[in-house]
């Protein structure tokens, strides 16, 4: 299962999600949590294989297995979320093999249901989730919330932070080894719905010499641009804001839709945009070019990040 987002047209501001379930034991009552992961990140969905346990790993790692010559760590999502599932694995249990930042990881879920196509404008940031909707799940592990049939709630988990928790991403301070921190100046606008990713990227950009203005999604990013332009005026605006770094998957307005809006606005079209996403694959790169982006990065390689920012700003 790869490149499934090929059916989504650029500018449609839609996402396709694999709908999966995690069961939670709340006071002896089993609650079915409904979650989603971007189809573009899913390689395949398989039955639970025989796993080899590893000593000294985080408690949410059930083990590893070999998938056609590739050793893949398998994360028990209910354990990672800190949720008591109240049940053992059964015949409906599946492992979602997903690719984040060019790394393959398996996620154990209690059931994989279907594929849903949802507009990003119908997905609200995690701050809109009530305590009832996110029962047993830490808010910082959720990036988006949307309503589905029967007024049920689907939560989009911040699965990128699993990669961080596993220590599989180089620290952003590695950028400091590539620059003396004064090579760049001015303001960088950073868009990402994940607080974990924003924190890492902000650190990297600051090490490169930028001041950083943050936005949680494309809609917020456009507002930040509008406000900065109104406050500073055209001439000063062009001197202040140097670059935009944007995620792709974001509630309300995704990165592709955001970039299209920026490049179609005479006030903003001169701004260089770099997509910085955990989605890999040529199709996403091509969609980025169609949206008018000046580059596409897969999170997070400090050397490539520094080189791409340098290329864009010096061309």
C-alpha atoms as a PDB file:
ATOM      1  CA  UNK A   1       0.000   0.000   0.000  1.00  0.00           C
ATOM      2  CA  UNK A   2       1.912   3.049  -1.214  1.00  0.00           C
ATOM      3  CA  UNK A   3       1.313   6.348  -2.994  1.00  0.00           C
ATOM      4  CA  UNK A   4      -2.418   5.883  -2.320  1.00  0.00           C
ATOM      5  CA  UNK A   5      -2.875   9.604  -2.153  1.00  0.00           C
ATOM      6  CA  UNK A   6      -2.461   9.626  -5.926  1.00  0.00           C
ATOM      7  CA  UNK A   7      -6.235   9.863  -6.240  1.00  0.00           C
ATOM      8  CA  UNK A   8      -6.339  13.179  -4.395  1.00  0.00           C
ATOM      9  CA  UNK A   9      -6.064  16.228  -6.627  1.00  0.00           C
ATOM     10  CA  UNK A  10      -3.662  19.012  -5.758  1.00  0.00           C
ATOM     11  CA  UNK A  11      -5.459  21.858  -4.017  1.00  0.00           C
ATOM     12  CA  UNK A  12      -8.384  19.672  -2.932  1.00  0.00           C
ATOM     13  CA  UNK A  13      -7.224  20.011   0.701  1.00  0.00           C
ATOM     14  CA  UNK A  14      -8.166  16.387   1.360  1.00  0.00           C
ATOM     15  CA  UNK A  15      -6.488  13.439   3.014  1.00  0.00           C
ATOM     16  CA  UNK A  16      -7.064   9.696   2.861  1.00  0.00           C
ATOM     17  CA  UNK A  17      -6.822   7.960   6.226  1.00  0.00           C
ATOM     18  CA  UNK A  18      -6.623   4.334   7.269  1.00  0.00           C
ATOM     19  CA  UNK A  19      -9.290   4.070   9.983  1.00  0.00           C
ATOM     20  CA  UNK A  20      -8.051   1.790  12.797  1.00  0.00           C
ATOM     21  CA  UNK A  21      -9.239   1.007  16.310  1.00  0.00           C
ATOM     22  CA  UNK A  22      -7.615   0.789  19.733  1.00  0.00           C
ATOM     23  CA  UNK A  23      -9.673  -0.602  22.614  1.00  0.00           C
ATOM     24  CA  UNK A  24      -9.511   1.096  26.011  1.00  0.00           C
ATOM     25  CA  UNK A  25     -10.622  -0.191  29.390  1.00  0.00           C
ATOM     26  CA  UNK A  26     -12.300   2.737  31.156  1.00  0.00           C
ATOM     27  CA  UNK A  27     -13.558   1.690  34.592  1.00  0.00           C
ATOM     28  CA  UNK A  28     -14.227  -1.861  33.400  1.00  0.00           C
ATOM     29  CA  UNK A  29     -16.055  -0.686  30.289  1.00  0.00           C
ATOM     30  CA  UNK A  30     -14.406  -1.256  26.912  1.00  0.00           C
ATOM     31  CA  UNK A  31     -14.267   1.913  24.840  1.00  0.00           C
ATOM     32  CA  UNK A  32     -13.430   1.744  21.120  1.00  0.00           C
ATOM     33  CA  UNK A  33     -11.020   4.512  20.172  1.00  0.00           C
ATOM     34  CA  UNK A  34     -11.141   5.520  16.502  1.00  0.00           C
ATOM     35  CA  UNK A  35      -7.885   6.687  14.958  1.00  0.00           C
ATOM     36  CA  UNK A  36      -6.430   7.498  11.565  1.00  0.00           C
ATOM     37  CA  UNK A  37      -3.098   7.445   9.743  1.00  0.00           C
ATOM     38  CA  UNK A  38      -2.365   8.993   6.354  1.00  0.00           C
ATOM     39  CA  UNK A  39      -2.584   6.386   3.586  1.00  0.00           C
ATOM     40  CA  UNK A  40       0.488   7.967   1.981  1.00  0.00           C
ATOM     41  CA  UNK A  41       2.556   6.698   4.929  1.00  0.00           C
ATOM     42  CA  UNK A  42       1.193   3.149   4.917  1.00  0.00           C
ATOM     43  CA  UNK A  43       3.166   0.472   3.089  1.00  0.00           C
ATOM     44  CA  UNK A  44       0.910  -2.453   3.961  1.00  0.00           C
ATOM     45  CA  UNK A  45      -1.285  -3.952   6.680  1.00  0.00           C
ATOM     46  CA  UNK A  46      -0.488  -7.470   7.871  1.00  0.00           C
ATOM     47  CA  UNK A  47      -1.447  -9.991  10.536  1.00  0.00           C
ATOM     48  CA  UNK A  48       0.628  -9.963  13.699  1.00  0.00           C
ATOM     49  CA  UNK A  49       3.850 -11.861  12.877  1.00  0.00           C
ATOM     50  CA  UNK A  50       6.043 -13.765  15.280  1.00  0.00           C
ATOM     51  CA  UNK A  51       8.178 -11.160  17.012  1.00  0.00           C
ATOM     52  CA  UNK A  52      11.644 -11.338  18.492  1.00  0.00           C
ATOM     53  CA  UNK A  53      11.809  -9.521  21.808  1.00  0.00           C
ATOM     54  CA  UNK A  54      14.649  -7.126  22.485  1.00  0.00           C
ATOM     55  CA  UNK A  55      16.138  -6.318  25.907  1.00  0.00           C
ATOM     56  CA  UNK A  56      16.578  -2.757  27.064  1.00  0.00           C
ATOM     57  CA  UNK A  57      14.087  -1.147  24.690  1.00  0.00           C
ATOM     58  CA  UNK A  58      11.122   1.122  25.560  1.00  0.00           C
ATOM     59  CA  UNK A  59       8.182  -0.750  27.071  1.00  0.00           C
ATOM     60  CA  UNK A  60       5.962  -0.030  24.060  1.00  0.00           C
ATOM     61  CA  UNK A  61       8.246  -1.961  21.687  1.00  0.00           C
ATOM     62  CA  UNK A  62       6.836  -5.491  21.386  1.00  0.00           C
ATOM     63  CA  UNK A  63       9.808  -6.690  19.348  1.00  0.00           C
ATOM     64  CA  UNK A  64      11.172  -6.860  15.819  1.00  0.00           C
ATOM     65  CA  UNK A  65      10.572  -9.032  12.768  1.00  0.00           C
ATOM     66  CA  UNK A  66      12.001  -9.492   9.300  1.00  0.00           C
ATOM     67  CA  UNK A  67       9.832  -8.259   6.433  1.00  0.00           C
ATOM     68  CA  UNK A  68      11.378  -9.353   3.134  1.00  0.00           C
ATOM     69  CA  UNK A  69      14.893  -8.658   4.345  1.00  0.00           C
ATOM     70  CA  UNK A  70      14.109  -5.495   6.322  1.00  0.00           C
ATOM     71  CA  UNK A  71      14.154  -5.632  10.140  1.00  0.00           C
ATOM     72  CA  UNK A  72      11.207  -3.644  11.463  1.00  0.00           C
ATOM     73  CA  UNK A  73      10.529  -2.549  15.057  1.00  0.00           C
ATOM     74  CA  UNK A  74       6.926  -3.072  16.152  1.00  0.00           C
ATOM     75  CA  UNK A  75       5.217  -0.565  18.438  1.00  0.00           C
ATOM     76  CA  UNK A  76       2.237  -1.493  20.602  1.00  0.00           C
ATOM     77  CA  UNK A  77       0.175   1.653  20.114  1.00  0.00           C
ATOM     78  CA  UNK A  78      -1.998   1.159  23.179  1.00  0.00           C
ATOM     79  CA  UNK A  79       1.137   0.976  25.356  1.00  0.00           C
ATOM     80  CA  UNK A  80       2.718   3.986  23.638  1.00  0.00           C
ATOM     81  CA  UNK A  81      -0.450   6.010  24.254  1.00  0.00           C
ATOM     82  CA  UNK A  82      -0.516   4.942  27.904  1.00  0.00           C
ATOM     83  CA  UNK A  83      -3.886   3.244  27.400  1.00  0.00           C
ATOM     84  CA  UNK A  84      -5.002   0.108  29.222  1.00  0.00           C
ATOM     85  CA  UNK A  85      -6.554  -1.926  26.424  1.00  0.00           C
ATOM     86  CA  UNK A  86      -8.049  -4.467  28.818  1.00  0.00           C
ATOM     87  CA  UNK A  87      -7.657  -7.241  26.253  1.00  0.00           C
ATOM     88  CA  UNK A  88      -5.136  -9.595  24.735  1.00  0.00           C
ATOM     89  CA  UNK A  89      -4.336  -9.712  21.041  1.00  0.00           C
ATOM     90  CA  UNK A  90      -7.054 -11.509  19.035  1.00  0.00           C
ATOM     91  CA  UNK A  91      -7.705 -12.483  15.408  1.00  0.00           C
ATOM     92  CA  UNK A  92      -8.663  -8.917  14.412  1.00  0.00           C
ATOM     93  CA  UNK A  93      -5.315  -7.495  15.474  1.00  0.00           C
ATOM     94  CA  UNK A  94      -3.250  -6.097  12.624  1.00  0.00           C
ATOM     95  CA  UNK A  95       0.143  -4.469  12.170  1.00  0.00           C
ATOM     96  CA  UNK A  96       0.206  -1.301  10.085  1.00  0.00           C
ATOM     97  CA  UNK A  97       3.583  -1.021   8.369  1.00  0.00           C
ATOM     98  CA  UNK A  98       4.225   2.702   7.969  1.00  0.00           C
ATOM     99  CA  UNK A  99       7.115   4.768   6.688  1.00  0.00           C
ATOM    100  CA  UNK A 100       8.141   7.872   8.616  1.00  0.00           C
ATOM    101  CA  UNK A 101      11.215   9.887   7.710  1.00  0.00           C
ATOM    102  CA  UNK A 102      12.435   7.018   5.490  1.00  0.00           C
ATOM    103  CA  UNK A 103      12.153   4.627   8.457  1.00  0.00           C
ATOM    104  CA  UNK A 104       9.793   1.624   8.474  1.00  0.00           C
ATOM    105  CA  UNK A 105       7.880   0.975  11.713  1.00  0.00           C
ATOM    106  CA  UNK A 106       5.077  -1.466  12.514  1.00  0.00           C
ATOM    107  CA  UNK A 107       2.132  -0.354  14.668  1.00  0.00           C
ATOM    108  CA  UNK A 108      -0.033  -2.931  16.434  1.00  0.00           C
ATOM    109  CA  UNK A 109      -3.719  -1.965  16.280  1.00  0.00           C
ATOM    110  CA  UNK A 110      -6.745  -3.921  17.494  1.00  0.00           C
ATOM    111  CA  UNK A 111      -8.539  -3.631  14.164  1.00  0.00           C
ATOM    112  CA  UNK A 112      -8.032  -1.943  10.776  1.00  0.00           C
ATOM    113  CA  UNK A 113     -11.424  -0.873   9.426  1.00  0.00           C
ATOM    114  CA  UNK A 114     -11.396   1.063   6.172  1.00  0.00           C
ATOM    115  CA  UNK A 115      -9.991   3.975   4.173  1.00  0.00           C
ATOM    116  CA  UNK A 116     -11.671   7.356   4.632  1.00  0.00           C
ATOM    117  CA  UNK A 117     -11.322  10.472   2.483  1.00  0.00           C
ATOM    118  CA  UNK A 118     -11.696  13.587   4.635  1.00  0.00           C
ATOM    119  CA  UNK A 119     -11.287  17.289   3.964  1.00  0.00           C
ATOM    120  CA  UNK A 120      -8.589  18.925   6.063  1.00  0.00           C
ATOM    121  CA  UNK A 121     -11.002  21.782   6.788  1.00  0.00           C
ATOM    122  CA  UNK A 122     -13.114  19.268   8.740  1.00  0.00           C
ATOM    123  CA  UNK A 123     -10.143  18.296  10.901  1.00  0.00           C
ATOM    124  CA  UNK A 124      -9.595  20.498  13.924  1.00  0.00           C
ATOM    125  CA  UNK A 125      -6.329  20.852  15.879  1.00  0.00           C
ATOM    126  CA  UNK A 126      -5.895  18.645  18.942  1.00  0.00           C
ATOM    127  CA  UNK A 127      -6.734  21.548  21.251  1.00  0.00           C
ATOM    128  CA  UNK A 128     -10.374  21.087  20.213  1.00  0.00           C
ATOM    129  CA  UNK A 129     -10.522  17.543  21.578  1.00  0.00           C
ATOM    130  CA  UNK A 130     -12.556  17.230  24.757  1.00  0.00           C
ATOM    131  CA  UNK A 131     -11.369  15.121  27.657  1.00  0.00           C
ATOM    132  CA  UNK A 132     -14.078  12.587  26.806  1.00  0.00           C
ATOM    133  CA  UNK A 133     -12.972  12.260  23.185  1.00  0.00           C
ATOM    134  CA  UNK A 134      -9.330  11.764  24.110  1.00  0.00           C
ATOM    135  CA  UNK A 135      -9.965   9.662  27.207  1.00  0.00           C
ATOM    136  CA  UNK A 136      -6.777   7.935  28.337  1.00  0.00           C
ATOM    137  CA  UNK A 137      -4.669   9.569  25.607  1.00  0.00           C
ATOM    138  CA  UNK A 138      -2.266  12.417  26.307  1.00  0.00           C
ATOM    139  CA  UNK A 139      -3.235  15.515  24.300  1.00  0.00           C
ATOM    140  CA  UNK A 140       0.323  15.949  23.029  1.00  0.00           C
ATOM    141  CA  UNK A 141      -0.005  12.604  21.219  1.00  0.00           C
ATOM    142  CA  UNK A 142      -2.930  13.891  19.124  1.00  0.00           C
ATOM    143  CA  UNK A 143      -2.565  16.277  16.166  1.00  0.00           C
ATOM    144  CA  UNK A 144      -6.109  16.373  14.785  1.00  0.00           C
ATOM    145  CA  UNK A 145      -9.770  15.611  15.504  1.00  0.00           C
ATOM    146  CA  UNK A 146     -12.679  15.078  13.110  1.00  0.00           C
ATOM    147  CA  UNK A 147     -16.290  13.945  13.321  1.00  0.00           C
ATOM    148  CA  UNK A 148     -17.459  10.908  11.361  1.00  0.00           C
ATOM    149  CA  UNK A 149     -20.792   9.074  11.152  1.00  0.00           C
ATOM    150  CA  UNK A 150     -22.998   8.756  14.237  1.00  0.00           C
ATOM    151  CA  UNK A 151     -21.199  11.824  15.620  1.00  0.00           C
ATOM    152  CA  UNK A 152     -18.233   9.621  16.512  1.00  0.00           C
ATOM    153  CA  UNK A 153     -14.775  11.173  16.784  1.00  0.00           C
ATOM    154  CA  UNK A 154     -11.670  10.116  14.877  1.00  0.00           C
ATOM    155  CA  UNK A 155      -8.311  11.163  16.312  1.00  0.00           C
ATOM    156  CA  UNK A 156      -5.136  11.569  14.278  1.00  0.00           C
ATOM    157  CA  UNK A 157      -2.163  10.530  16.377  1.00  0.00           C
ATOM    158  CA  UNK A 158       1.210  12.266  16.302  1.00  0.00           C
ATOM    159  CA  UNK A 159       2.976   9.076  15.248  1.00  0.00           C
ATOM    160  CA  UNK A 160       6.056  11.073  14.225  1.00  0.00           C
ATOM    161  CA  UNK A 161       6.815  11.444  17.913  1.00  0.00           C
ATOM    162  CA  UNK A 162       7.224   7.641  18.066  1.00  0.00           C
ATOM    163  CA  UNK A 163      10.272   8.095  15.842  1.00  0.00           C
ATOM    164  CA  UNK A 164      11.521  10.712  18.298  1.00  0.00           C
ATOM    165  CA  UNK A 165      10.804   8.449  21.289  1.00  0.00           C
ATOM    166  CA  UNK A 166      12.813   5.671  19.654  1.00  0.00           C
ATOM    167  CA  UNK A 167      15.791   7.975  19.173  1.00  0.00           C
ATOM    168  CA  UNK A 168      15.821   7.348  15.419  1.00  0.00           C
ATOM    169  CA  UNK A 169      16.095  11.029  14.446  1.00  0.00           C
ATOM    170  CA  UNK A 170      19.326  12.999  14.725  1.00  0.00           C
ATOM    171  CA  UNK A 171      19.068  15.906  17.151  1.00  0.00           C
ATOM    172  CA  UNK A 172      18.505  19.301  15.507  1.00  0.00           C
ATOM    173  CA  UNK A 173      21.541  20.674  17.330  1.00  0.00           C
ATOM    174  CA  UNK A 174      23.615  18.717  14.782  1.00  0.00           C
ATOM    175  CA  UNK A 175      22.914  21.705  12.532  1.00  0.00           C
ATOM    176  CA  UNK A 176      25.246  23.667  14.803  1.00  0.00           C
ATOM    177  CA  UNK A 177      28.152  21.588  13.483  1.00  0.00           C
ATOM    178  CA  UNK A 178      27.409  22.793   9.940  1.00  0.00           C
ATOM    179  CA  UNK A 179      27.084  26.524  10.609  1.00  0.00           C
ATOM    180  CA  UNK A 180      28.403  29.045  13.090  1.00  0.00           C
ATOM    181  CA  UNK A 181      24.862  30.197  13.774  1.00  0.00           C
ATOM    182  CA  UNK A 182      25.313  33.574  12.098  1.00  0.00           C
ATOM    183  CA  UNK A 183      25.267  32.656   8.416  1.00  0.00           C
ATOM    184  CA  UNK A 184      21.538  33.398   8.156  1.00  0.00           C
ATOM    185  CA  UNK A 185      19.383  36.157   9.571  1.00  0.00           C
ATOM    186  CA  UNK A 186      15.829  37.400   9.447  1.00  0.00           C
ATOM    187  CA  UNK A 187      12.576  35.603  10.110  1.00  0.00           C
ATOM    188  CA  UNK A 188      11.535  32.071   9.179  1.00  0.00           C
ATOM    189  CA  UNK A 189       7.869  31.036   9.249  1.00  0.00           C
ATOM    190  CA  UNK A 190       7.508  27.460  10.488  1.00  0.00           C
ATOM    191  CA  UNK A 191       4.276  25.496   9.971  1.00  0.00           C
ATOM    192  CA  UNK A 192       3.695  22.152  11.667  1.00  0.00           C
ATOM    193  CA  UNK A 193       0.783  20.709  13.632  1.00  0.00           C
ATOM    194  CA  UNK A 194       3.069  18.521  15.740  1.00  0.00           C
ATOM    195  CA  UNK A 195       4.428  20.329  18.792  1.00  0.00           C
ATOM    196  CA  UNK A 196       7.270  17.773  18.875  1.00  0.00           C
ATOM    197  CA  UNK A 197       8.261  18.547  15.283  1.00  0.00           C
ATOM    198  CA  UNK A 198       7.889  22.312  15.754  1.00  0.00           C
ATOM    199  CA  UNK A 199      10.155  22.228  18.781  1.00  0.00           C
ATOM    200  CA  UNK A 200      12.865  20.337  16.879  1.00  0.00           C
ATOM    201  CA  UNK A 201      12.629  22.484  13.754  1.00  0.00           C
ATOM    202  CA  UNK A 202      12.603  25.741  15.694  1.00  0.00           C
ATOM    203  CA  UNK A 203      15.799  24.698  17.458  1.00  0.00           C
ATOM    204  CA  UNK A 204      17.430  23.866  14.121  1.00  0.00           C
ATOM    205  CA  UNK A 205      16.418  27.174  12.520  1.00  0.00           C
ATOM    206  CA  UNK A 206      17.592  29.178  15.533  1.00  0.00           C
ATOM    207  CA  UNK A 207      20.969  27.419  15.389  1.00  0.00           C
ATOM    208  CA  UNK A 208      21.202  28.635  11.795  1.00  0.00           C
ATOM    209  CA  UNK A 209      20.623  32.243  12.862  1.00  0.00           C
ATOM    210  CA  UNK A 210      16.917  32.728  12.153  1.00  0.00           C
ATOM    211  CA  UNK A 211      14.222  34.145  14.343  1.00  0.00           C
ATOM    212  CA  UNK A 212      11.222  31.827  14.133  1.00  0.00           C
ATOM    213  CA  UNK A 213       7.502  32.523  13.865  1.00  0.00           C
ATOM    214  CA  UNK A 214       5.362  29.418  14.409  1.00  0.00           C
ATOM    215  CA  UNK A 215       2.005  28.356  12.948  1.00  0.00           C
ATOM    216  CA  UNK A 216       0.030  25.195  13.727  1.00  0.00           C
ATOM    217  CA  UNK A 217      -1.479  24.682  10.252  1.00  0.00           C
ATOM    218  CA  UNK A 218      -1.944  26.300   6.842  1.00  0.00           C
ATOM    219  CA  UNK A 219      -4.859  28.460   7.944  1.00  0.00           C
ATOM    220  CA  UNK A 220      -2.856  29.794  10.878  1.00  0.00           C
ATOM    221  CA  UNK A 221       0.141  30.275   8.573  1.00  0.00           C
ATOM    222  CA  UNK A 222      -1.835  32.463   6.171  1.00  0.00           C
ATOM    223  CA  UNK A 223      -3.102  34.551   9.085  1.00  0.00           C
ATOM    224  CA  UNK A 224       0.458  35.011  10.358  1.00  0.00           C
ATOM    225  CA  UNK A 225       1.514  36.191   6.885  1.00  0.00           C
ATOM    226  CA  UNK A 226      -1.421  38.590   6.657  1.00  0.00           C
ATOM    227  CA  UNK A 227      -0.731  40.016  10.118  1.00  0.00           C
ATOM    228  CA  UNK A 228       2.994  40.445   9.477  1.00  0.00           C
ATOM    229  CA  UNK A 229       2.338  42.161   6.129  1.00  0.00           C
ATOM    230  CA  UNK A 230      -0.229  44.526   7.658  1.00  0.00           C
ATOM    231  CA  UNK A 231       2.072  45.338  10.560  1.00  0.00           C
ATOM    232  CA  UNK A 232       5.287  45.897   8.611  1.00  0.00           C
ATOM    233  CA  UNK A 233       4.187  47.077   5.157  1.00  0.00           C
ATOM    234  CA  UNK A 234       5.338  45.745   1.787  1.00  0.00           C
ATOM    235  CA  UNK A 235       8.932  46.997   1.755  1.00  0.00           C
ATOM    236  CA  UNK A 236       9.811  45.944   5.304  1.00  0.00           C
ATOM    237  CA  UNK A 237       7.916  42.652   4.901  1.00  0.00           C
ATOM    238  CA  UNK A 238      10.194  41.623   2.021  1.00  0.00           C
ATOM    239  CA  UNK A 239      13.272  42.378   4.129  1.00  0.00           C
ATOM    240  CA  UNK A 240      12.060  40.614   7.276  1.00  0.00           C
ATOM    241  CA  UNK A 241      10.635  37.275   6.156  1.00  0.00           C
ATOM    242  CA  UNK A 242      13.226  35.104   4.424  1.00  0.00           C
ATOM    243  CA  UNK A 243      11.773  31.612   4.138  1.00  0.00           C
ATOM    244  CA  UNK A 244       8.785  29.383   4.909  1.00  0.00           C
ATOM    245  CA  UNK A 245       9.245  25.814   6.176  1.00  0.00           C
ATOM    246  CA  UNK A 246       5.977  23.873   6.025  1.00  0.00           C
ATOM    247  CA  UNK A 247       4.729  20.454   6.961  1.00  0.00           C
ATOM    248  CA  UNK A 248       2.202  18.828   4.614  1.00  0.00           C
ATOM    249  CA  UNK A 249      -0.255  17.059   6.924  1.00  0.00           C
ATOM    250  CA  UNK A 250      -2.020  19.733   8.971  1.00  0.00           C
ATOM    251  CA  UNK A 251      -5.607  20.254  10.201  1.00  0.00           C
ATOM    252  CA  UNK A 252      -7.920  22.805   8.549  1.00  0.00           C
ATOM    253  CA  UNK A 253      -5.496  23.490   5.668  1.00  0.00           C
ATOM    254  CA  UNK A 254      -2.706  21.192   4.502  1.00  0.00           C
ATOM    255  CA  UNK A 255       0.705  22.276   3.244  1.00  0.00           C
ATOM    256  CA  UNK A 256      -0.096  21.852  -0.448  1.00  0.00           C
ATOM    257  CA  UNK A 257      -3.182  24.058  -0.181  1.00  0.00           C
ATOM    258  CA  UNK A 258      -1.256  26.596   1.896  1.00  0.00           C
ATOM    259  CA  UNK A 259       1.582  26.784  -0.660  1.00  0.00           C
ATOM    260  CA  UNK A 260      -0.877  27.235  -3.529  1.00  0.00           C
ATOM    261  CA  UNK A 261      -2.474  30.150  -1.674  1.00  0.00           C
ATOM    262  CA  UNK A 262       0.907  31.763  -1.003  1.00  0.00           C
ATOM    263  CA  UNK A 263       2.155  31.406  -4.580  1.00  0.00           C
ATOM    264  CA  UNK A 264      -1.097  32.790  -5.999  1.00  0.00           C
ATOM    265  CA  UNK A 265      -0.913  35.925  -3.841  1.00  0.00           C
ATOM    266  CA  UNK A 266       1.114  38.772  -5.388  1.00  0.00           C
ATOM    267  CA  UNK A 267       2.210  39.929  -1.925  1.00  0.00           C
ATOM    268  CA  UNK A 268       3.699  36.566  -0.945  1.00  0.00           C
ATOM    269  CA  UNK A 269       4.635  34.700  -4.135  1.00  0.00           C
ATOM    270  CA  UNK A 270       8.299  35.752  -3.892  1.00  0.00           C
ATOM    271  CA  UNK A 271       8.721  33.820  -0.622  1.00  0.00           C
ATOM    272  CA  UNK A 272      10.665  30.546  -0.896  1.00  0.00           C
ATOM    273  CA  UNK A 273       8.778  27.548   0.523  1.00  0.00           C
ATOM    274  CA  UNK A 274      10.397  24.309   1.649  1.00  0.00           C
ATOM    275  CA  UNK A 275       8.191  21.353   2.465  1.00  0.00           C
ATOM    276  CA  UNK A 276       9.510  19.397   5.436  1.00  0.00           C
ATOM    277  CA  UNK A 277       7.456  16.241   5.797  1.00  0.00           C
ATOM    278  CA  UNK A 278       7.661  12.727   7.166  1.00  0.00           C
ATOM    279  CA  UNK A 279       6.023  11.556   3.907  1.00  0.00           C
ATOM    280  CA  UNK A 280       8.588  10.175   1.475  1.00  0.00           C
ATOM    281  CA  UNK A 281       8.050   9.106  -2.115  1.00  0.00           C
ATOM    282  CA  UNK A 282       8.335  10.692  -5.561  1.00  0.00           C
ATOM    283  CA  UNK A 283       4.603  11.399  -5.830  1.00  0.00           C
ATOM    284  CA  UNK A 284       4.628  13.728  -2.827  1.00  0.00           C
ATOM    285  CA  UNK A 285       7.709  15.481  -4.215  1.00  0.00           C
ATOM    286  CA  UNK A 286       5.879  16.079  -7.494  1.00  0.00           C
ATOM    287  CA  UNK A 287       2.806  17.406  -5.700  1.00  0.00           C
ATOM    288  CA  UNK A 288       5.101  19.784  -3.825  1.00  0.00           C
ATOM    289  CA  UNK A 289       6.479  21.146  -7.102  1.00  0.00           C
ATOM    290  CA  UNK A 290       2.967  21.544  -8.493  1.00  0.00           C
ATOM    291  CA  UNK A 291       2.025  23.580  -5.423  1.00  0.00           C
ATOM    292  CA  UNK A 292       4.936  25.927  -6.135  1.00  0.00           C
ATOM    293  CA  UNK A 293       7.349  24.813  -3.410  1.00  0.00           C
ATOM    294  CA  UNK A 294      11.047  25.459  -3.932  1.00  0.00           C
ATOM    295  CA  UNK A 295      12.154  22.227  -2.276  1.00  0.00           C
ATOM    296  CA  UNK A 296      11.003  19.068  -0.491  1.00  0.00           C
ATOM    297  CA  UNK A 297      12.710  17.533   2.523  1.00  0.00           C
ATOM    298  CA  UNK A 298      12.010  14.323   4.416  1.00  0.00           C
ATOM    299  CA  UNK A 299      12.349  14.862   8.187  1.00  0.00           C
ATOM    300  CA  UNK A 300      14.962  15.107   9.616  1.00  0.00           C
ATOM    301  CA  UNK A 301      18.529  15.067   8.286  1.00  0.00           C
ATOM    302  CA  UNK A 302      20.431  18.098   9.654  1.00  0.00           C
ATOM    303  CA  UNK A 303      22.970  18.135   6.819  1.00  0.00           C
ATOM    304  CA  UNK A 304      20.341  17.970   4.058  1.00  0.00           C
ATOM    305  CA  UNK A 305      18.200  20.530   5.874  1.00  0.00           C
ATOM    306  CA  UNK A 306      21.064  23.003   6.087  1.00  0.00           C
ATOM    307  CA  UNK A 307      22.086  22.392   2.469  1.00  0.00           C
ATOM    308  CA  UNK A 308      18.552  22.829   1.128  1.00  0.00           C
ATOM    309  CA  UNK A 309      17.920  26.032   3.070  1.00  0.00           C
ATOM    310  CA  UNK A 310      21.257  27.359   1.786  1.00  0.00           C
ATOM    311  CA  UNK A 311      20.437  26.402  -1.802  1.00  0.00           C
ATOM    312  CA  UNK A 312      17.049  28.093  -1.762  1.00  0.00           C
ATOM    313  CA  UNK A 313      18.242  31.322  -0.166  1.00  0.00           C
ATOM    314  CA  UNK A 314      21.357  31.681  -2.312  1.00  0.00           C
ATOM    315  CA  UNK A 315      19.849  30.968  -5.729  1.00  0.00           C
END
